[in-house]
Amino acid sequence: MEIGFELVCETGAVAWSGKRFNELRLYRACEPAKKADSSCSSGLWVHRAPRSFDALKVIELRNFLAAIAVGRNADPDLSEAARIARIWEAAVATSEHRTWIAPEDHTLKRETL
């Protein structure tokens, strides 16, 4: 199973893949995007984050331990996960119904065990 997304619109597209987690692909049909640390060809650029997977895990662990040291929740916490889930569910519902559904107007589907 691959984790990622691809969003295609009238004016361009954006894509991300968990297999290449430090890359974000952006295509703008109307104007080529140019940015440092990226490659650009016919409107497509790929931004590469300068970190390895191991470096990201060390940063996450440091942030987790720092949160414990000061007695606060680490980010992201479960409330952030629920907010992201609402956004995802609204995006899926928007696609299924072919009309905009705002995350705050959409309730999560509850499955019974």
Protein backbone atom coordinates (compact mmCIF):
# COMPACT_ATOMS: atom_id res chain seq x y z
CA MET A 1 0.00 0.00 0.00
CA GLU A 2 1.37 3.39 -0.95
CA ILE A 3 0.74 6.47 1.13
CA GLY A 4 0.45 9.65 -0.88
CA PHE A 5 -1.83 11.95 -2.80
CA GLU A 6 -2.21 13.61 -6.16
CA LEU A 7 -4.43 16.64 -6.62
CA VAL A 8 -5.19 17.78 -10.17
CA CYS A 9 -6.92 21.11 -10.81
CA GLU A 10 -7.61 23.31 -13.82
CA THR A 11 -4.47 25.39 -13.25
CA GLY A 12 -2.03 22.69 -12.19
CA ALA A 13 -1.35 19.72 -9.96
CA VAL A 14 0.46 18.75 -6.77
CA ALA A 15 1.58 15.28 -5.70
CA TRP A 16 3.37 13.63 -2.78
CA SER A 17 4.40 10.02 -2.23
CA GLY A 18 5.44 8.31 0.98
CA LYS A 19 8.04 6.38 -0.99
CA ARG A 20 9.80 9.68 -1.71
CA PHE A 21 8.61 11.49 1.41
CA ASN A 22 10.98 14.42 1.08
CA GLU A 23 9.74 15.43 -2.37
CA LEU A 24 6.73 17.53 -3.29
CA ARG A 25 5.83 17.70 -6.98
CA LEU A 26 4.05 20.79 -8.27
CA TYR A 27 2.91 21.59 -11.79
CA ARG A 28 1.52 24.98 -12.71
CA ALA A 29 0.02 25.14 -16.17
CA CYS A 30 0.00 28.95 -16.34
CA GLU A 31 3.52 29.72 -15.07
CA PRO A 32 6.54 27.54 -14.37
CA ALA A 33 7.42 27.47 -10.68
CA LYS A 34 11.04 28.10 -9.77
CA LYS A 35 12.45 27.66 -6.31
CA ALA A 36 15.80 27.01 -4.69
CA ASP A 37 16.60 23.33 -4.13
CA SER A 38 14.22 22.30 -6.88
CA SER A 39 14.37 21.21 -10.48
CA CYS A 40 12.09 22.84 -13.03
CA SER A 41 11.13 21.59 -16.48
CA SER A 42 8.03 22.69 -18.41
CA GLY A 43 6.26 23.90 -15.29
CA LEU A 44 7.08 20.84 -13.17
CA TRP A 45 9.30 21.25 -10.14
CA VAL A 46 10.26 18.80 -7.48
CA HIS A 47 11.21 20.23 -4.11
CA ARG A 48 13.56 18.00 -2.14
CA ALA A 49 13.79 18.48 1.59
CA PRO A 50 17.41 18.31 2.76
CA ARG A 51 16.74 15.75 5.52
CA SER A 52 16.99 12.00 5.71
CA PHE A 53 14.38 9.76 7.32
CA ASP A 54 16.72 9.13 10.26
CA ALA A 55 17.24 12.86 10.80
CA LEU A 56 13.47 13.41 10.88
CA LYS A 57 13.05 10.68 13.52
CA VAL A 58 15.75 12.28 15.69
CA ILE A 59 13.97 15.65 15.42
CA GLU A 60 10.62 14.04 16.32
CA LEU A 61 12.17 12.33 19.35
CA ARG A 62 13.81 15.59 20.49
CA ASN A 63 10.46 17.41 20.22
CA PHE A 64 8.69 14.59 22.09
CA LEU A 65 11.20 14.62 24.94
CA ALA A 66 11.12 18.44 25.12
CA ALA A 67 7.31 18.33 25.45
CA ILE A 68 7.60 15.82 28.31
CA ALA A 69 10.23 17.99 30.01
CA VAL A 70 7.92 21.04 30.11
CA GLY A 71 4.74 19.05 30.82
CA ARG A 72 2.79 19.68 27.62
CA ASN A 73 1.37 17.48 24.88
CA ALA A 74 3.66 16.68 22.00
CA ASP A 75 2.59 17.87 18.56
CA PRO A 76 0.74 16.44 16.79
CA ASP A 77 -1.56 15.05 19.46
CA LEU A 78 -4.86 13.17 19.15
CA SER A 79 -6.89 16.36 18.72
CA GLU A 80 -4.69 17.25 15.74
CA ALA A 81 -5.14 13.72 14.37
CA ALA A 82 -8.93 14.10 14.67
CA ARG A 83 -8.78 17.46 12.85
CA ILE A 84 -6.74 15.90 10.04
CA ALA A 85 -9.22 13.00 9.83
CA ARG A 86 -12.12 15.48 9.49
CA ILE A 87 -10.29 17.26 6.67
CA TRP A 88 -9.60 13.94 4.92
CA GLU A 89 -13.21 12.75 5.29
CA ALA A 90 -14.49 16.09 3.95
CA ALA A 91 -12.12 15.83 0.97
CA VAL A 92 -13.38 12.32 0.18
CA ALA A 93 -17.02 13.44 0.59
CA THR A 94 -16.34 16.46 -1.65
CA SER A 95 -15.01 14.13 -4.34
CA GLU A 96 -17.88 11.65 -4.00
CA HIS A 97 -20.62 14.32 -4.10
CA ARG A 98 -18.81 16.60 -6.56
CA THR A 99 -19.54 19.64 -4.42
CA TRP A 100 -17.57 21.50 -1.75
CA ILE A 101 -18.02 20.15 1.76
CA ALA A 102 -16.13 22.08 4.43
CA PRO A 103 -14.39 20.01 7.13
CA GLU A 104 -16.33 21.78 9.87
CA ASP A 105 -19.61 20.81 8.14
CA HIS A 106 -18.68 17.13 7.80
CA THR A 107 -18.92 14.61 10.61
CA LEU A 108 -16.65 11.59 10.82
CA LYS A 109 -18.13 8.25 9.91
CA ARG A 110 -18.34 6.21 13.07
CA GLU A 111 -17.84 2.48 12.70
CA THR A 112 -19.06 0.14 15.39
CA LEU A 113 -16.82 -2.68 16.53
